[in-house]
Amino acid sequence: MKKLICLALLLCAVRPAAAQSLPSPPAPEARGTWVLDSQLTSESAVEETFARLQASGFNLAYVRTWWQGATIYPSAVVEAAGGPRQHAAFAGRDPMAEAIRIGKRHGIQVAAWMEYGLVAAYSTTKTAPGPILTKHPDWRMLDKTGNPAAPTGSAFFYWMDPAHPEVVRFIADMAAELSRNYPDLAIYEADRFRYPSLDWSYAPVSVTKYMAETGKRDPALIQSGDADAIDWVRWRRKQTTNLMREVYRAVKTANPAVVVSGAVIPPYMLDTPQDKLQDWPTWADSAYVDVLEPMLYLSDSSYPNLLARAVNLVPRGFPLYAGIDATYDVVVQTAESRRQGTKGVVIWYDGALTQAQRDALVRGPFATPTTLPHDDLRLADGRLIRPVDGWTTIPTGIGGSSLLQASGLDDSAIAPFKLMRGGSYDVYASVVPGADRVADATYAVFAASETVSSQIA
């Protein structure tokens, strides 16, 4: 008998099985915060940081990994692109490996926060595009005047153009390298996968590609009220969506266990003059991300409405970890996030939290035990989810789904990819007909704590 089963649940056993009685895990909730490089200046500083996070009730640390055109870890990909192998401040150390190792001891998972995304450099002057864009001037994003330096606060940011295929490949290769080199990394978080504003990018690569793909005129000639203006906006949004898709594929190919997330603009910026050409609702709907962290850095009074808008922009049940600004009442906003059914919160940022806020979190919303929504699901004996002997995993593309194929009687397998706790999933089974095979096959499907379905013929 040969059986072909498409799994999207924890355990599929191709044999009748009695219902298991397993302990129920605590209700899942992400309790995250962003951690800056200034908190990781030595291994002892990493230890101190994670001890503080544990004492404050956090279970997820977003560690600043990519900024100023360099990485916190040694990167052959960045070096090949013309940048430094590693941030000079961390030479001789690997803070990413330290954070993952120390985080395990404190019960905290690590996310690689790619804070500057498409930004290759920033400077207080207009003359410092950084080594990567110096080596690859055609990668630069430009405004209508040909200026590559986007003013941001008191600095100028130099952005890479997502319409350039080499830029997409560079970002995707860096994501794959990170996911492959750190197998226990929990999350790859994409940040600034966008444009600085609607006034960018008029670089030759974008203009030429846009005109070739759409048959439209030079976008530099388009005025805001022109009929082509909407097409030009939509086309640039597709460039960041394409980047997110390719990064997702790269991460999952390198390490399917890594969750892909995105720190994204708040809903009030979408389809307004503040738009950053980042179509994150499509990312969620197309399964180009597993989780989103909308940056809802808003007052206590504005937070509920904007959070509700974010929830309504993604498919029902899609995991959101709501971004909260420590400037406001983190306890009130965490409670509101729970009320609206998100999967957790991420607070900006650890260094901004006062001891009073930490104490209030531990006494309040972080007092109860929890697990991460994307945590490794395990069997009662502690074994990790993985295929077992006799089964072949056949990847099927984006979205975390896969086929598991087996032959022989009484085979069983465990889904090899992470599943969001509390989600709804489909399980399909088929028996290939043949004269020497049985007419049907009975199987049972188990979740970590209960029998989901059993004795299905």
Protein backbone atom coordinates (compact mmCIF):
# COMPACT_ATOMS: atom_id res chain seq x y z
CA MET A 1 0.00 0.00 0.00
CA LYS A 2 1.29 3.44 -0.89
CA LYS A 3 -0.04 6.53 0.80
CA LEU A 4 0.38 10.20 -0.15
CA ILE A 5 -0.58 12.64 2.56
CA CYS A 6 -0.43 16.43 2.55
CA LEU A 7 0.01 17.58 6.12
CA ALA A 8 -0.72 20.90 7.70
CA LEU A 9 -1.03 19.58 11.25
CA LEU A 10 1.38 18.30 13.83
CA LEU A 11 1.23 14.51 13.65
CA CYS A 12 -0.22 12.17 11.08
CA ALA A 13 -0.12 8.47 11.90
CA VAL A 14 -1.21 6.03 9.21
CA ARG A 15 -2.71 3.56 11.60
CA PRO A 16 -5.65 3.54 14.03
CA ALA A 17 -4.62 5.19 17.25
CA ALA A 18 -6.21 5.83 20.58
CA ALA A 19 -6.66 9.40 21.69
CA GLN A 20 -3.61 10.70 23.52
CA SER A 21 -3.79 12.50 26.81
CA LEU A 22 -1.05 15.11 26.73
CA PRO A 23 -0.59 18.14 28.97
CA SER A 24 -1.99 21.32 27.47
CA PRO A 25 0.63 24.02 26.89
CA PRO A 26 0.07 27.53 28.27
CA ALA A 27 -1.86 29.92 26.07
CA PRO A 28 0.53 31.25 23.41
CA GLU A 29 1.51 34.90 23.23
CA ALA A 30 4.54 36.69 21.82
CA ARG A 31 6.02 39.09 24.36
CA GLY A 32 8.74 40.80 22.41
CA THR A 33 10.94 43.85 22.40
CA TRP A 34 13.59 45.33 20.13
CA VAL A 35 17.20 45.25 21.36
CA LEU A 36 19.83 47.71 20.09
CA ASP A 37 23.49 46.98 19.42
CA SER A 38 24.44 49.23 22.35
CA GLN A 39 23.04 46.50 24.63
CA LEU A 40 25.31 43.84 23.08
CA THR A 41 28.77 45.40 23.41
CA SER A 42 30.25 42.34 25.16
CA GLU A 43 29.19 38.82 26.01
CA SER A 44 28.58 39.94 29.59
CA ALA A 45 26.37 42.74 28.26
CA VAL A 46 24.38 40.18 26.26
CA GLU A 47 23.99 38.11 29.43
CA GLU A 48 22.83 41.15 31.38
CA THR A 49 20.37 42.13 28.64
CA PHE A 50 18.73 38.71 28.44
CA ALA A 51 18.57 38.35 32.22
CA ARG A 52 16.73 41.68 32.32
CA LEU A 53 14.37 40.58 29.56
CA GLN A 54 13.58 37.36 31.39
CA ALA A 55 12.93 39.23 34.63
CA SER A 56 10.63 41.58 32.70
CA GLY A 57 8.54 38.70 31.32
CA PHE A 58 9.69 38.78 27.68
CA ASN A 59 10.05 35.66 25.58
CA LEU A 60 11.23 37.18 22.29
CA ALA A 61 14.14 39.54 21.55
CA TYR A 62 14.47 41.33 18.20
CA VAL A 63 18.23 41.83 18.00
CA ARG A 64 19.52 44.61 15.77
CA THR A 65 21.37 42.74 13.04
CA TRP A 66 21.80 44.94 9.93
CA TRP A 67 22.51 48.68 9.85
CA GLN A 68 25.00 51.08 8.24
CA GLY A 69 25.58 48.55 5.47
CA ALA A 70 27.02 45.91 7.81
CA THR A 71 25.91 43.00 9.97
CA ILE A 72 26.44 42.14 13.61
CA TYR A 73 27.65 38.69 12.52
CA PRO A 74 30.40 37.85 9.98
CA SER A 75 28.76 37.99 6.52
CA ALA A 76 30.40 36.73 3.36
CA VAL A 77 27.44 38.06 1.38
CA VAL A 78 27.90 41.66 2.56
CA GLU A 79 31.65 41.42 2.04
CA ALA A 80 31.17 40.19 -1.54
CA ALA A 81 28.87 43.15 -2.20
CA GLY A 82 31.58 45.59 -1.16
CA GLY A 83 30.68 46.09 2.49
CA PRO A 84 32.63 45.03 5.58
CA ARG A 85 32.57 41.42 6.66
CA GLN A 86 31.22 42.54 10.04
CA HIS A 87 30.57 45.70 12.00
CA ALA A 88 33.97 46.77 13.26
CA ALA A 89 32.68 47.11 16.84
CA PHE A 90 32.06 43.36 16.99
CA ALA A 91 35.23 42.04 15.34
CA GLY A 92 36.42 38.84 16.99
CA ARG A 93 32.95 38.08 18.41
CA ASP A 94 29.65 36.79 17.10
CA PRO A 95 26.91 38.55 19.10
CA MET A 96 24.21 36.73 17.13
CA ALA A 97 25.50 33.33 18.24
CA GLU A 98 25.92 34.67 21.78
CA ALA A 99 22.36 36.02 21.87
CA ILE A 100 20.85 32.75 20.63
CA ARG A 101 22.87 30.67 23.11
CA ILE A 102 22.27 32.96 26.10
CA GLY A 103 18.64 33.50 25.10
CA LYS A 104 18.00 29.76 25.31
CA ARG A 105 19.21 29.73 28.90
CA HIS A 106 16.78 32.53 29.76
CA GLY A 107 13.82 31.11 27.84
CA ILE A 108 13.97 33.86 25.19
CA GLN A 109 14.02 33.29 21.45
CA VAL A 110 15.96 35.56 19.11
CA ALA A 111 14.76 37.37 16.01
CA ALA A 112 17.26 38.84 13.56
CA TRP A 113 16.01 42.41 13.21
CA MET A 114 17.17 43.62 9.79
CA GLU A 115 16.46 47.16 10.87
CA TYR A 116 17.69 49.06 7.86
CA GLY A 117 16.41 46.77 5.12
CA LEU A 118 16.99 48.62 1.84
CA VAL A 119 19.08 51.36 3.48
CA ALA A 120 22.75 50.73 2.67
CA ALA A 121 24.12 53.72 4.59
CA TYR A 122 23.17 56.91 6.40
CA SER A 123 25.14 60.01 7.22
CA THR A 124 24.83 63.59 8.40
CA THR A 125 26.22 64.66 5.03
CA LYS A 126 25.12 64.10 1.44
CA THR A 127 28.46 62.65 0.44
CA ALA A 128 28.60 59.28 2.22
CA PRO A 129 26.63 56.60 0.34
CA GLY A 130 28.73 53.86 1.94
CA PRO A 131 30.92 51.16 0.40
CA ILE A 132 28.13 49.01 -1.06
CA LEU A 133 26.55 51.81 -3.08
CA THR A 134 29.97 53.15 -3.98
CA LYS A 135 30.78 49.79 -5.55
CA HIS A 136 27.28 49.50 -7.08
CA PRO A 137 26.09 53.03 -7.94
CA ASP A 138 23.36 51.55 -10.16
CA TRP A 139 21.76 50.05 -7.03
CA ARG A 140 20.93 53.50 -5.65
CA MET A 141 17.38 54.70 -5.28
CA LEU A 142 16.93 58.25 -6.65
CA ASP A 143 14.37 61.02 -6.56
CA LYS A 144 13.26 62.95 -9.67
CA THR A 145 16.32 65.21 -9.55
CA GLY A 146 18.76 62.30 -9.40
CA ASN A 147 19.49 62.87 -5.72
CA PRO A 148 20.38 59.62 -3.82
CA ALA A 149 20.30 61.07 -0.29
CA ALA A 150 16.86 60.91 1.33
CA PRO A 151 16.56 63.34 4.27
CA THR A 152 15.43 61.57 7.45
CA GLY A 153 15.49 63.59 10.64
CA SER A 154 19.00 65.01 11.00
CA ALA A 155 20.56 62.45 8.63
CA PHE A 156 20.51 61.42 4.99
CA PHE A 157 19.60 57.84 4.09
CA TYR A 158 20.95 56.07 1.01
CA TRP A 159 18.44 53.48 -0.21
CA MET A 160 18.87 50.54 -2.57
CA ASP A 161 16.35 50.23 -5.39
CA PRO A 162 14.13 47.11 -5.06
CA ALA A 163 13.48 47.17 -8.81
CA HIS A 164 17.11 46.20 -9.39
CA PRO A 165 17.37 42.38 -9.57
CA GLU A 166 20.85 42.46 -8.07
CA VAL A 167 19.54 44.32 -5.02
CA VAL A 168 16.82 41.71 -4.56
CA ARG A 169 19.40 38.94 -4.88
CA PHE A 170 21.72 40.62 -2.37
CA ILE A 171 19.01 41.01 0.28
CA ALA A 172 17.73 37.46 -0.33
CA ASP A 173 21.24 35.99 -0.17
CA MET A 174 21.88 37.77 3.11
CA ALA A 175 18.61 36.37 4.50
CA ALA A 176 19.53 32.85 3.38
CA GLU A 177 23.03 33.14 4.86
CA LEU A 178 21.66 34.25 8.22
CA SER A 179 19.00 31.52 8.33
CA ARG A 180 21.45 28.83 7.30
CA ASN A 181 24.30 29.86 9.61
CA TYR A 182 22.09 30.10 12.70
CA PRO A 183 19.79 27.05 12.69
CA ASP A 184 18.28 28.00 16.07
CA LEU A 185 17.30 31.49 14.93
CA ALA A 186 13.58 31.97 15.62
CA ILE A 187 12.63 34.84 13.30
CA TYR A 188 13.97 36.79 10.36
CA GLU A 189 12.36 40.24 10.61
CA ALA A 190 12.32 42.41 7.49
CA ASP A 191 12.31 46.12 8.26
CA ARG A 192 12.36 49.06 5.84
CA PHE A 193 11.37 46.89 2.88
CA ARG A 194 9.85 50.01 1.37
CA TYR A 195 10.57 53.40 -0.19
CA PRO A 196 11.34 56.54 1.84
CA SER A 197 8.29 58.23 0.29
CA LEU A 198 6.22 58.53 -2.89
CA ASP A 199 8.95 60.75 -4.36
CA TRP A 200 11.33 57.83 -4.91
CA SER A 201 12.65 55.85 -6.98
CA TYR A 202 13.31 57.48 -10.30
CA ALA A 203 16.57 55.62 -10.83
CA PRO A 204 17.26 54.50 -14.42
CA VAL A 205 16.70 50.84 -13.54
CA SER A 206 13.19 51.62 -12.23
CA VAL A 207 12.22 53.99 -15.02
CA THR A 208 13.39 51.65 -17.78
CA LYS A 209 11.79 48.59 -16.19
CA TYR A 210 8.49 50.39 -15.55
CA MET A 211 8.20 51.64 -19.11
CA ALA A 212 9.12 48.24 -20.58
CA GLU A 213 6.66 46.32 -18.40
CA THR A 214 3.70 48.72 -18.64
CA GLY A 215 4.15 50.52 -21.95
CA LYS A 216 3.59 53.76 -20.06
CA ARG A 217 5.51 57.02 -20.39
CA ASP A 218 8.49 58.12 -18.33
CA PRO A 219 7.21 58.38 -14.72
CA ALA A 220 9.20 61.59 -14.26
CA LEU A 221 6.61 63.21 -16.54
CA ILE A 222 3.64 62.01 -14.48
CA GLN A 223 1.87 64.58 -12.30
CA SER A 224 -0.05 63.61 -9.17
CA GLY A 225 -3.45 64.01 -10.82
CA ASP A 226 -2.59 62.13 -14.03
CA ALA A 227 -4.28 58.86 -14.93
CA ASP A 228 -0.91 57.09 -14.93
CA ALA A 229 -0.10 58.19 -11.37
CA ILE A 230 -1.96 55.26 -9.78
CA ASP A 231 -0.21 52.77 -12.05
CA TRP A 232 3.16 54.20 -11.11
CA VAL A 233 2.33 53.84 -7.41
CA ARG A 234 1.09 50.27 -7.86
CA TRP A 235 4.13 49.27 -9.88
CA ARG A 236 6.54 50.43 -7.17
CA ARG A 237 4.52 48.61 -4.51
CA LYS A 238 4.99 45.45 -6.54
CA GLN A 239 8.76 45.90 -6.31
CA THR A 240 8.77 45.70 -2.50
CA THR A 241 6.29 42.82 -2.63
CA ASN A 242 8.58 40.99 -5.05
CA LEU A 243 11.49 41.59 -2.65
CA MET A 244 9.50 40.15 0.26
CA ARG A 245 8.52 37.11 -1.80
CA GLU A 246 12.10 36.34 -2.79
CA VAL A 247 13.38 36.79 0.76
CA TYR A 248 10.67 34.46 2.08
CA ARG A 249 11.66 31.81 -0.43
CA ALA A 250 15.34 32.23 0.40
CA VAL A 251 14.78 31.88 4.14
CA LYS A 252 12.51 28.85 3.85
CA THR A 253 14.88 27.13 1.43
CA ALA A 254 17.82 27.68 3.78
CA ASN A 255 15.97 26.84 7.00
CA PRO A 256 12.20 26.10 6.93
CA ALA A 257 12.03 26.42 10.73
CA VAL A 258 12.79 30.17 10.65
CA VAL A 259 9.68 32.33 10.89
CA VAL A 260 9.61 35.28 8.46
CA SER A 261 8.10 38.50 9.74
CA GLY A 262 7.91 42.14 8.79
CA ALA A 263 8.02 45.34 10.80
CA VAL A 264 5.60 47.41 8.73
CA ILE A 265 4.16 50.90 8.52
CA PRO A 266 0.95 51.70 10.41
CA PRO A 267 -2.37 51.57 8.51
CA TYR A 268 -2.85 55.35 8.51
CA MET A 269 0.08 55.65 6.06
CA LEU A 270 -1.44 53.33 3.45
CA ASP A 271 -2.95 55.06 0.41
CA THR A 272 -2.17 58.53 1.78
CA PRO A 273 0.51 61.13 1.03
CA GLN A 274 2.55 59.38 3.76
CA ASP A 275 2.51 56.08 1.85
CA LYS A 276 5.84 54.25 1.77
CA LEU A 277 4.85 51.91 -1.10
CA GLN A 278 4.78 48.89 1.21
CA ASP A 279 1.78 46.66 0.47
CA TRP A 280 1.93 44.51 3.58
CA PRO A 281 -1.71 43.38 3.43
CA THR A 282 -0.76 41.60 0.18
CA TRP A 283 2.28 40.08 1.88
CA ALA A 284 -0.01 38.49 4.46
CA ASP A 285 -2.63 37.43 1.95
CA SER A 286 -0.03 35.90 -0.40
CA ALA A 287 1.87 34.09 2.41
CA TYR A 288 5.08 36.04 1.80
CA VAL A 289 5.38 36.48 5.59
CA ASP A 290 4.39 34.29 8.54
CA VAL A 291 3.86 37.16 10.97
CA LEU A 292 3.60 40.95 10.81
CA GLU A 293 4.60 43.55 13.40
CA PRO A 294 2.67 46.73 12.47
CA MET A 295 4.45 49.64 14.10
CA LEU A 296 1.50 51.22 15.91
CA TYR A 297 3.45 53.80 17.83
CA LEU A 298 0.34 55.66 18.90
CA SER A 299 -1.23 57.26 21.93
CA ASP A 300 -3.49 55.19 24.17
CA SER A 301 -6.55 56.87 22.68
CA SER A 302 -5.54 56.31 19.03
CA TYR A 303 -4.19 52.80 19.47
CA PRO A 304 -7.46 50.77 19.51
CA ASN A 305 -8.80 52.13 16.20
CA LEU A 306 -5.53 51.78 14.31
CA LEU A 307 -4.98 48.28 15.68
CA ALA A 308 -8.48 47.32 14.53
CA ARG A 309 -7.64 48.64 11.06
CA ALA A 310 -4.49 46.53 10.99
CA VAL A 311 -6.41 43.41 12.07
CA ASN A 312 -8.98 44.00 9.32
CA LEU A 313 -6.30 44.37 6.63
CA VAL A 314 -4.98 40.81 6.96
CA PRO A 315 -6.72 37.45 6.52
CA ARG A 316 -8.77 36.28 9.47
CA GLY A 317 -6.49 34.67 12.02
CA PHE A 318 -3.26 35.91 10.46
CA PRO A 319 -0.71 36.45 13.26
CA LEU A 320 -0.03 40.06 14.21
CA TYR A 321 2.41 41.06 16.94
CA ALA A 322 1.30 44.62 17.60
CA GLY A 323 4.08 47.21 17.84
CA ILE A 324 3.78 49.37 20.97
CA ASP A 325 5.77 52.50 21.83
CA ALA A 326 7.16 52.53 25.38
CA THR A 327 6.33 56.25 25.48
CA TYR A 328 2.73 55.25 26.18
CA ASP A 329 0.98 52.88 28.61
CA VAL A 330 2.37 49.48 27.65
CA VAL A 331 0.01 47.65 30.02
CA VAL A 332 -3.12 49.30 28.61
CA GLN A 333 -2.04 48.73 25.01
CA THR A 334 -1.05 45.10 25.65
CA ALA A 335 -4.49 44.49 27.13
CA GLU A 336 -6.11 46.09 24.08
CA SER A 337 -4.01 43.93 21.79
CA ARG A 338 -5.28 40.84 23.59
CA ARG A 339 -8.86 42.07 23.44
CA GLN A 340 -8.60 42.38 19.66
CA GLY A 341 -7.17 38.88 19.31
CA THR A 342 -3.61 39.53 18.16
CA LYS A 343 -0.96 36.90 18.83
CA GLY A 344 1.20 39.17 20.95
CA VAL A 345 3.02 42.48 21.21
CA VAL A 346 6.46 43.91 20.49
CA ILE A 347 7.52 46.95 22.50
CA TRP A 348 9.74 49.69 21.10
CA TYR A 349 12.19 49.29 22.67
CA ASP A 350 13.95 47.53 25.59
CA GLY A 351 16.24 50.44 26.34
CA ALA A 352 13.28 52.84 26.63
CA LEU A 353 11.35 50.81 29.20
CA THR A 354 11.49 52.12 32.75
CA GLN A 355 11.74 49.79 35.73
CA ALA A 356 8.22 50.85 36.70
CA GLN A 357 6.95 49.71 33.30
CA ARG A 358 8.80 46.39 33.60
CA ASP A 359 7.33 45.80 37.05
CA ALA A 360 3.83 46.65 35.78
CA LEU A 361 4.18 44.17 32.91
CA VAL A 362 5.35 41.38 35.23
CA ARG A 363 2.54 42.04 37.71
CA GLY A 364 -0.04 42.46 34.95
CA PRO A 365 -0.21 41.09 31.40
CA PHE A 366 3.06 39.13 31.58
CA ALA A 367 2.23 37.45 34.91
CA THR A 368 0.71 34.30 33.42
CA PRO A 369 2.85 31.55 31.83
CA THR A 370 2.89 31.52 28.04
CA THR A 371 4.46 29.95 24.98
CA LEU A 372 5.32 31.58 21.69
CA PRO A 373 2.69 31.26 18.95
CA HIS A 374 5.41 30.08 16.56
CA ASP A 375 7.38 28.00 19.06
CA ASP A 376 8.64 24.54 18.10
CA LEU A 377 5.76 22.16 18.65
CA ARG A 378 6.99 19.03 20.37
CA LEU A 379 5.73 15.59 21.31
CA ALA A 380 5.07 14.74 24.95
CA ASP A 381 8.53 13.18 25.23
CA GLY A 382 10.16 16.41 24.05
CA ARG A 383 11.10 15.31 20.54
CA LEU A 384 11.16 18.08 17.95
CA ILE A 385 8.79 17.97 15.00
CA ARG A 386 10.56 16.25 12.16
CA PRO A 387 9.98 13.57 9.51
CA VAL A 388 10.74 10.01 10.56
CA ASP A 389 12.26 7.09 8.67
CA GLY A 390 10.29 5.98 5.65
CA TRP A 391 8.94 9.39 4.75
CA THR A 392 10.08 11.79 2.05
CA THR A 393 9.43 15.52 2.32
CA ILE A 394 8.44 17.20 -0.93
CA PRO A 395 8.44 21.04 -0.75
CA THR A 396 5.47 22.69 -2.43
CA GLY A 397 6.47 26.34 -2.30
CA ILE A 398 5.41 29.33 -0.27
CA GLY A 399 3.15 29.16 2.75
CA GLY A 400 4.76 26.42 4.82
CA SER A 401 2.86 23.54 3.25
CA SER A 402 4.57 20.35 2.15
CA LEU A 403 3.86 16.84 1.03
CA LEU A 404 4.95 13.86 3.05
CA GLN A 405 5.10 10.61 1.12
CA ALA A 406 5.53 7.12 2.56
CA SER A 407 5.16 3.51 1.61
CA GLY A 408 4.53 0.47 3.78
CA LEU A 409 2.16 -0.26 6.62
CA ASP A 410 1.94 1.59 9.90
CA ASP A 411 4.15 4.49 8.89
CA SER A 412 3.94 7.75 10.80
CA ALA A 413 5.43 11.19 10.33
CA ILE A 414 5.63 14.56 11.94
CA ALA A 415 5.19 17.77 9.99
CA PRO A 416 8.70 19.19 9.35
CA PHE A 417 7.70 22.83 9.44
CA LYS A 418 6.57 25.20 12.16
CA LEU A 419 2.89 25.76 12.67
CA MET A 420 1.29 28.73 14.36
CA ARG A 421 -0.41 27.59 17.54
CA GLY A 422 -4.17 28.00 17.49
CA GLY A 423 -4.44 28.04 13.70
CA SER A 424 -6.77 26.12 11.42
CA TYR A 425 -5.20 23.71 8.96
CA ASP A 426 -6.27 21.26 6.27
CA VAL A 427 -5.08 17.66 6.08
CA TYR A 428 -5.43 15.66 2.87
CA ALA A 429 -4.80 11.97 2.28
CA SER A 430 -4.99 9.77 -0.78
CA VAL A 431 -4.44 6.10 -1.51
CA VAL A 432 -3.01 5.26 -4.91
CA PRO A 433 -5.22 2.45 -6.33
CA GLY A 434 -3.74 -0.86 -7.40
CA ALA A 435 -4.53 -4.56 -7.47
CA ASP A 436 -2.06 -5.28 -4.66
CA ARG A 437 -3.24 -2.44 -2.42
CA VAL A 438 -6.00 -1.99 0.09
CA ALA A 439 -9.04 0.04 -0.83
CA ASP A 440 -8.58 2.56 1.94
CA ALA A 441 -6.18 3.59 4.66
CA THR A 442 -7.06 4.63 8.17
CA TYR A 443 -5.06 7.38 9.78
CA ALA A 444 -5.16 9.63 12.80
CA VAL A 445 -4.07 13.24 13.21
CA PHE A 446 -2.80 14.52 16.54
CA ALA A 447 -1.99 17.99 17.77
CA ALA A 448 0.43 18.56 20.63
CA SER A 449 -2.23 18.30 23.31
CA GLU A 450 -5.21 16.50 21.82
CA THR A 451 -6.49 14.26 19.08
CA VAL A 452 -7.74 16.50 16.28
CA SER A 453 -9.27 13.74 14.18
CA SER A 454 -8.95 9.99 14.14
CA GLN A 455 -9.93 6.82 12.34
CA ILE A 456 -10.46 8.66 9.07
CA ALA A 457 -10.77 6.30 6.13
